[in-house]
Amino acid sequence: MKQMVSILFAMVVLAGCGNQANPPSNNGPLTDSMRQACPTLSDEALVSYVTVIDQLRTQDGLSKEDALTSWAKGCQSIPPNGNFGGDQELCVACVTALVEEIYK
């Protein structure tokens, strides 16, 4: 439950993170496949998502299956003015690609 709350909180916080005043400066973990799966996200937003997903994996021990399920559920409540423009299918495709890449 704590993991689900953490993920949903991250989804809400990150919904508009592409326009932060101080975005992450390291785009090192990004791949072209991540960018293709998440075309509406800036590199800064992608880095934020990757960071949260990786922290949940490494620090909280969230399994790949739980991550996929939880992020997909989080996509059901995305705001229409967020990074995915309210497109739940795009959100699911994006976070699925990110989880798949991080859990390789």
Protein backbone atom coordinates (compact mmCIF):
# COMPACT_ATOMS: atom_id res chain seq x y z
CA MET A 1 0.00 0.00 0.00
CA LYS A 2 2.84 2.37 0.87
CA GLN A 3 4.37 1.69 -2.53
CA MET A 4 1.08 2.43 -4.30
CA VAL A 5 0.75 5.71 -2.41
CA SER A 6 4.32 6.63 -3.32
CA ILE A 7 3.70 5.90 -6.98
CA LEU A 8 0.44 7.80 -7.12
CA PHE A 9 2.03 10.75 -5.33
CA ALA A 10 4.87 10.69 -7.86
CA MET A 11 2.37 10.61 -10.74
CA VAL A 12 0.62 13.70 -9.37
CA VAL A 13 3.86 15.57 -8.70
CA LEU A 14 5.35 14.65 -12.06
CA ALA A 15 2.23 15.48 -14.07
CA GLY A 16 3.64 18.91 -14.80
CA CYS A 17 7.32 18.43 -14.03
CA GLY A 18 8.54 19.23 -17.53
CA ASN A 19 8.43 22.94 -16.79
CA GLN A 20 10.26 23.10 -13.47
CA ALA A 21 12.60 26.00 -12.80
CA ASN A 22 15.39 23.62 -11.76
CA PRO A 23 14.96 20.39 -13.75
CA PRO A 24 17.45 17.54 -13.45
CA SER A 25 20.46 18.24 -15.64
CA ASN A 26 21.66 14.68 -16.23
CA ASN A 27 19.96 12.98 -19.18
CA GLY A 28 22.34 10.02 -18.99
CA PRO A 29 19.85 7.24 -18.24
CA LEU A 30 17.63 8.08 -21.19
CA THR A 31 17.46 6.01 -24.35
CA ASP A 32 15.92 6.70 -27.73
CA SER A 33 13.33 4.00 -27.06
CA MET A 34 12.25 5.85 -23.90
CA ARG A 35 11.91 9.08 -25.82
CA GLN A 36 9.90 7.34 -28.57
CA ALA A 37 7.56 5.71 -26.05
CA CYS A 38 7.00 9.04 -24.27
CA PRO A 39 6.86 11.64 -27.05
CA THR A 40 5.03 14.25 -24.96
CA LEU A 41 7.63 14.28 -22.17
CA SER A 42 10.68 16.49 -22.06
CA ASP A 43 14.03 14.93 -21.21
CA GLU A 44 13.76 16.54 -17.78
CA ALA A 45 10.37 14.90 -17.17
CA LEU A 46 11.72 11.55 -18.39
CA VAL A 47 14.68 11.79 -16.02
CA SER A 48 12.25 12.48 -13.17
CA TYR A 49 10.14 9.42 -14.02
CA VAL A 50 13.22 7.21 -14.43
CA THR A 51 14.57 8.40 -11.09
CA VAL A 52 11.33 7.65 -9.24
CA ILE A 53 10.89 4.24 -10.87
CA ASP A 54 14.49 3.29 -10.13
CA GLN A 55 14.22 4.44 -6.51
CA LEU A 56 11.08 2.37 -6.02
CA ARG A 57 12.93 -0.60 -7.48
CA THR A 58 16.18 -0.24 -5.57
CA GLN A 59 15.13 1.37 -2.28
CA ASP A 60 11.60 0.01 -1.79
CA GLY A 61 12.14 -3.32 -3.52
CA LEU A 62 9.11 -2.90 -5.79
CA SER A 63 8.85 -5.83 -8.18
CA LYS A 64 8.55 -5.27 -11.92
CA GLU A 65 5.02 -6.69 -11.94
CA ASP A 66 3.90 -4.44 -9.07
CA ALA A 67 5.51 -1.44 -10.74
CA LEU A 68 3.70 -2.10 -14.02
CA THR A 69 0.36 -2.59 -12.26
CA SER A 70 0.72 0.42 -9.99
CA TRP A 71 1.87 2.84 -12.68
CA ALA A 72 -0.91 1.67 -15.02
CA LYS A 73 -3.45 2.32 -12.26
CA GLY A 74 -1.90 5.74 -11.70
CA CYS A 75 -2.43 6.54 -15.38
CA GLN A 76 -6.18 6.19 -14.84
CA SER A 77 -6.22 9.48 -12.93
CA ILE A 78 -3.87 11.68 -14.94
CA PRO A 79 -4.88 15.32 -15.34
CA PRO A 80 -5.96 16.57 -18.77
CA ASN A 81 -3.40 19.37 -18.64
CA GLY A 82 -0.44 17.20 -17.54
CA ASN A 83 2.42 15.76 -19.53
CA PHE A 84 0.19 13.17 -21.23
CA GLY A 85 -2.64 15.56 -22.08
CA GLY A 86 -5.11 13.24 -20.38
CA ASP A 87 -4.24 10.37 -22.75
CA GLN A 88 -4.32 7.30 -20.51
CA GLU A 89 -3.14 4.95 -23.25
CA LEU A 90 -0.09 7.11 -23.93
CA CYS A 91 0.63 7.27 -20.21
CA VAL A 92 0.45 3.47 -19.86
CA ALA A 93 2.62 2.92 -22.94
CA CYS A 94 5.18 5.39 -21.67
CA VAL A 95 5.47 4.12 -18.10
CA THR A 96 5.44 0.51 -19.32
CA ALA A 97 8.40 1.25 -21.59
CA LEU A 98 10.23 3.00 -18.76
CA VAL A 99 9.61 0.18 -16.30
CA GLU A 100 10.67 -2.42 -18.87
CA GLU A 101 13.90 -0.53 -19.53
CA ILE A 102 14.73 0.06 -15.86
CA TYR A 103 14.02 -3.52 -14.81
CA LYS A 104 16.22 -5.07 -17.55
